[in-house]
């Protein structure tokens, strides 16, 4: 088997005709593996630098969001205090004062049913 036969067929066969290997021609750029490796390393470094820059931006965003959370938390506390003060004032203003005199209390006690009668009314049996 000559070299020309191998290159034209791109197969390597044993004398019985069994295929042992296939030749894959290399492109011109693949002929220098060190140059390819160097280009790949350079590409990976650029990608890593871009990812580091993105990560740095994300860290800055997180710090800004934490600061914003603090500001909003303080504002919420102030608003809750204002709300509570408003509700207390509203309750105080809408509260009707009830004044009972001693005579009013005596009159209500005189007309009230004794406790025993109230209990009896609650425990009315079905036979009645």
C-alpha atoms as a PDB file:
ATOM      1  CA  UNK A   1       0.000   0.000   0.000  1.00  0.00           C
ATOM      2  CA  UNK A   2       1.528   3.289  -1.037  1.00  0.00           C
ATOM      3  CA  UNK A   3       1.231   6.659   0.650  1.00  0.00           C
ATOM      4  CA  UNK A   4      -0.866   7.899  -2.256  1.00  0.00           C
ATOM      5  CA  UNK A   5      -3.355   5.075  -1.710  1.00  0.00           C
ATOM      6  CA  UNK A   6      -3.637   5.932   1.988  1.00  0.00           C
ATOM      7  CA  UNK A   7      -4.189   9.636   1.316  1.00  0.00           C
ATOM      8  CA  UNK A   8      -6.724   9.060  -1.449  1.00  0.00           C
ATOM      9  CA  UNK A   9      -8.757   6.496   0.463  1.00  0.00           C
ATOM     10  CA  UNK A  10      -8.282   8.072   3.889  1.00  0.00           C
ATOM     11  CA  UNK A  11      -8.582   4.637   5.393  1.00  0.00           C
ATOM     12  CA  UNK A  12      -6.013   2.286   6.774  1.00  0.00           C
ATOM     13  CA  UNK A  13      -6.885  -1.374   6.267  1.00  0.00           C
ATOM     14  CA  UNK A  14      -5.107  -4.566   7.078  1.00  0.00           C
ATOM     15  CA  UNK A  15      -4.331  -7.176   4.332  1.00  0.00           C
ATOM     16  CA  UNK A  16      -7.697  -8.862   4.953  1.00  0.00           C
ATOM     17  CA  UNK A  17      -9.497  -5.545   4.189  1.00  0.00           C
ATOM     18  CA  UNK A  18     -10.650  -4.698   7.725  1.00  0.00           C
ATOM     19  CA  UNK A  19     -10.631  -0.931   8.452  1.00  0.00           C
ATOM     20  CA  UNK A  20      -8.116  -0.131  11.165  1.00  0.00           C
ATOM     21  CA  UNK A  21      -8.282   3.665  11.139  1.00  0.00           C
ATOM     22  CA  UNK A  22      -9.591   6.665   9.246  1.00  0.00           C
ATOM     23  CA  UNK A  23      -7.445   9.595   8.384  1.00  0.00           C
ATOM     24  CA  UNK A  24      -8.948  12.988   9.067  1.00  0.00           C
ATOM     25  CA  UNK A  25      -7.216  15.817   7.260  1.00  0.00           C
ATOM     26  CA  UNK A  26      -6.318  18.766   9.444  1.00  0.00           C
ATOM     27  CA  UNK A  27      -7.284  22.249   8.488  1.00  0.00           C
ATOM     28  CA  UNK A  28      -4.455  24.695   8.120  1.00  0.00           C
ATOM     29  CA  UNK A  29      -5.271  26.350  11.455  1.00  0.00           C
ATOM     30  CA  UNK A  30      -5.167  22.989  13.243  1.00  0.00           C
ATOM     31  CA  UNK A  31      -1.648  22.185  12.114  1.00  0.00           C
ATOM     32  CA  UNK A  32      -0.027  24.245  14.915  1.00  0.00           C
ATOM     33  CA  UNK A  33      -1.515  22.951  18.193  1.00  0.00           C
ATOM     34  CA  UNK A  34       0.475  25.376  20.346  1.00  0.00           C
ATOM     35  CA  UNK A  35      -0.954  28.366  18.483  1.00  0.00           C
ATOM     36  CA  UNK A  36      -4.464  26.935  18.890  1.00  0.00           C
ATOM     37  CA  UNK A  37      -3.907  26.407  22.592  1.00  0.00           C
ATOM     38  CA  UNK A  38      -2.585  29.934  22.978  1.00  0.00           C
ATOM     39  CA  UNK A  39      -5.629  31.364  21.196  1.00  0.00           C
ATOM     40  CA  UNK A  40      -7.956  29.301  23.368  1.00  0.00           C
ATOM     41  CA  UNK A  41      -6.227  30.473  26.559  1.00  0.00           C
ATOM     42  CA  UNK A  42      -6.503  34.086  25.402  1.00  0.00           C
ATOM     43  CA  UNK A  43     -10.214  33.618  24.669  1.00  0.00           C
ATOM     44  CA  UNK A  44     -10.819  32.034  28.071  1.00  0.00           C
ATOM     45  CA  UNK A  45      -8.971  34.870  29.823  1.00  0.00           C
ATOM     46  CA  UNK A  46     -11.132  37.434  28.047  1.00  0.00           C
ATOM     47  CA  UNK A  47     -14.249  35.530  29.045  1.00  0.00           C
ATOM     48  CA  UNK A  48     -13.036  35.299  32.658  1.00  0.00           C
ATOM     49  CA  UNK A  49     -12.336  39.059  32.705  1.00  0.00           C
ATOM     50  CA  UNK A  50     -15.843  39.752  31.396  1.00  0.00           C
ATOM     51  CA  UNK A  51     -17.335  37.491  34.063  1.00  0.00           C
ATOM     52  CA  UNK A  52     -15.289  39.202  36.784  1.00  0.00           C
ATOM     53  CA  UNK A  53     -16.543  42.593  35.606  1.00  0.00           C
ATOM     54  CA  UNK A  54     -20.123  41.301  35.643  1.00  0.00           C
ATOM     55  CA  UNK A  55     -19.638  39.873  39.135  1.00  0.00           C
ATOM     56  CA  UNK A  56     -18.218  43.163  40.363  1.00  0.00           C
ATOM     57  CA  UNK A  57     -21.260  44.975  38.968  1.00  0.00           C
ATOM     58  CA  UNK A  58     -23.553  42.501  40.703  1.00  0.00           C
ATOM     59  CA  UNK A  59     -21.753  43.100  44.028  1.00  0.00           C
ATOM     60  CA  UNK A  60     -22.210  46.852  43.595  1.00  0.00           C
ATOM     61  CA  UNK A  61     -25.907  46.357  42.838  1.00  0.00           C
ATOM     62  CA  UNK A  62     -26.319  44.214  45.938  1.00  0.00           C
ATOM     63  CA  UNK A  63     -24.658  46.857  48.110  1.00  0.00           C
ATOM     64  CA  UNK A  64     -26.930  49.556  46.647  1.00  0.00           C
ATOM     65  CA  UNK A  65     -30.001  47.400  47.282  1.00  0.00           C
ATOM     66  CA  UNK A  66     -28.970  46.782  50.903  1.00  0.00           C
ATOM     67  CA  UNK A  67     -28.603  50.534  51.410  1.00  0.00           C
ATOM     68  CA  UNK A  68     -32.034  51.084  49.847  1.00  0.00           C
ATOM     69  CA  UNK A  69     -33.528  48.443  52.159  1.00  0.00           C
ATOM     70  CA  UNK A  70     -32.141  50.311  55.171  1.00  0.00           C
ATOM     71  CA  UNK A  71     -33.635  53.607  53.996  1.00  0.00           C
ATOM     72  CA  UNK A  72     -37.016  52.026  53.287  1.00  0.00           C
ATOM     73  CA  UNK A  73     -36.995  50.270  56.651  1.00  0.00           C
ATOM     74  CA  UNK A  74     -36.451  53.575  58.471  1.00  0.00           C
ATOM     75  CA  UNK A  75     -39.206  55.211  56.404  1.00  0.00           C
ATOM     76  CA  UNK A  76     -41.577  52.342  57.209  1.00  0.00           C
ATOM     77  CA  UNK A  77     -40.902  52.724  60.939  1.00  0.00           C
ATOM     78  CA  UNK A  78     -41.610  56.459  60.752  1.00  0.00           C
ATOM     79  CA  UNK A  79     -44.827  55.849  58.813  1.00  0.00           C
ATOM     80  CA  UNK A  80     -45.966  53.216  61.300  1.00  0.00           C
ATOM     81  CA  UNK A  81     -45.370  55.640  64.164  1.00  0.00           C
ATOM     82  CA  UNK A  82     -47.369  58.330  62.359  1.00  0.00           C
ATOM     83  CA  UNK A  83     -50.156  55.843  61.654  1.00  0.00           C
ATOM     84  CA  UNK A  84     -50.324  54.737  65.282  1.00  0.00           C
ATOM     85  CA  UNK A  85     -50.409  58.335  66.500  1.00  0.00           C
ATOM     86  CA  UNK A  86     -53.197  59.132  64.015  1.00  0.00           C
ATOM     87  CA  UNK A  87     -55.233  56.106  65.109  1.00  0.00           C
ATOM     88  CA  UNK A  88     -54.875  56.999  68.787  1.00  0.00           C
ATOM     89  CA  UNK A  89     -55.987  60.564  68.070  1.00  0.00           C
ATOM     90  CA  UNK A  90     -58.891  59.343  65.961  1.00  0.00           C
ATOM     91  CA  UNK A  91     -59.988  56.938  68.689  1.00  0.00           C
ATOM     92  CA  UNK A  92     -59.717  59.646  71.337  1.00  0.00           C
ATOM     93  CA  UNK A  93     -61.720  62.117  69.239  1.00  0.00           C
ATOM     94  CA  UNK A  94     -64.474  59.645  68.372  1.00  0.00           C
ATOM     95  CA  UNK A  95     -64.775  58.247  71.867  1.00  0.00           C
ATOM     96  CA  UNK A  96     -68.041  59.208  73.503  1.00  0.00           C
ATOM     97  CA  UNK A  97     -67.792  59.831  77.166  1.00  0.00           C
ATOM     98  CA  UNK A  98     -70.409  58.062  79.185  1.00  0.00           C
ATOM     99  CA  UNK A  99     -71.098  59.509  82.585  1.00  0.00           C
ATOM    100  CA  UNK A 100     -73.163  57.609  85.038  1.00  0.00           C
ATOM    101  CA  UNK A 101     -74.347  59.276  88.137  1.00  0.00           C
ATOM    102  CA  UNK A 102     -74.870  57.414  91.360  1.00  0.00           C
ATOM    103  CA  UNK A 103     -78.624  57.816  90.932  1.00  0.00           C
ATOM    104  CA  UNK A 104     -78.453  56.193  87.468  1.00  0.00           C
ATOM    105  CA  UNK A 105     -76.577  53.198  88.868  1.00  0.00           C
ATOM    106  CA  UNK A 106     -79.056  52.775  91.769  1.00  0.00           C
ATOM    107  CA  UNK A 107     -81.999  52.929  89.368  1.00  0.00           C
ATOM    108  CA  UNK A 108     -80.499  50.265  87.115  1.00  0.00           C
ATOM    109  CA  UNK A 109     -79.813  48.001  90.106  1.00  0.00           C
ATOM    110  CA  UNK A 110     -83.403  48.365  91.344  1.00  0.00           C
ATOM    111  CA  UNK A 111     -84.884  47.364  87.982  1.00  0.00           C
ATOM    112  CA  UNK A 112     -82.406  44.546  87.343  1.00  0.00           C
ATOM    113  CA  UNK A 113     -83.364  40.923  87.814  1.00  0.00           C
ATOM    114  CA  UNK A 114     -81.654  39.028  90.586  1.00  0.00           C
ATOM    115  CA  UNK A 115     -78.827  36.801  89.388  1.00  0.00           C
ATOM    116  CA  UNK A 116     -80.643  33.637  90.405  1.00  0.00           C
ATOM    117  CA  UNK A 117     -83.656  34.513  88.223  1.00  0.00           C
ATOM    118  CA  UNK A 118     -81.366  35.192  85.244  1.00  0.00           C
ATOM    119  CA  UNK A 119     -79.796  31.747  85.661  1.00  0.00           C
ATOM    120  CA  UNK A 120     -83.227  30.155  85.951  1.00  0.00           C
ATOM    121  CA  UNK A 121     -84.295  31.819  82.695  1.00  0.00           C
ATOM    122  CA  UNK A 122     -81.203  30.490  80.974  1.00  0.00           C
ATOM    123  CA  UNK A 123     -81.880  26.964  82.152  1.00  0.00           C
ATOM    124  CA  UNK A 124     -85.460  26.717  81.041  1.00  0.00           C
ATOM    125  CA  UNK A 125     -86.371  23.080  80.631  1.00  0.00           C
ATOM    126  CA  UNK A 126     -88.173  21.969  77.453  1.00  0.00           C
ATOM    127  CA  UNK A 127     -91.217  20.781  79.514  1.00  0.00           C
ATOM    128  CA  UNK A 128     -92.257  24.360  80.400  1.00  0.00           C
END
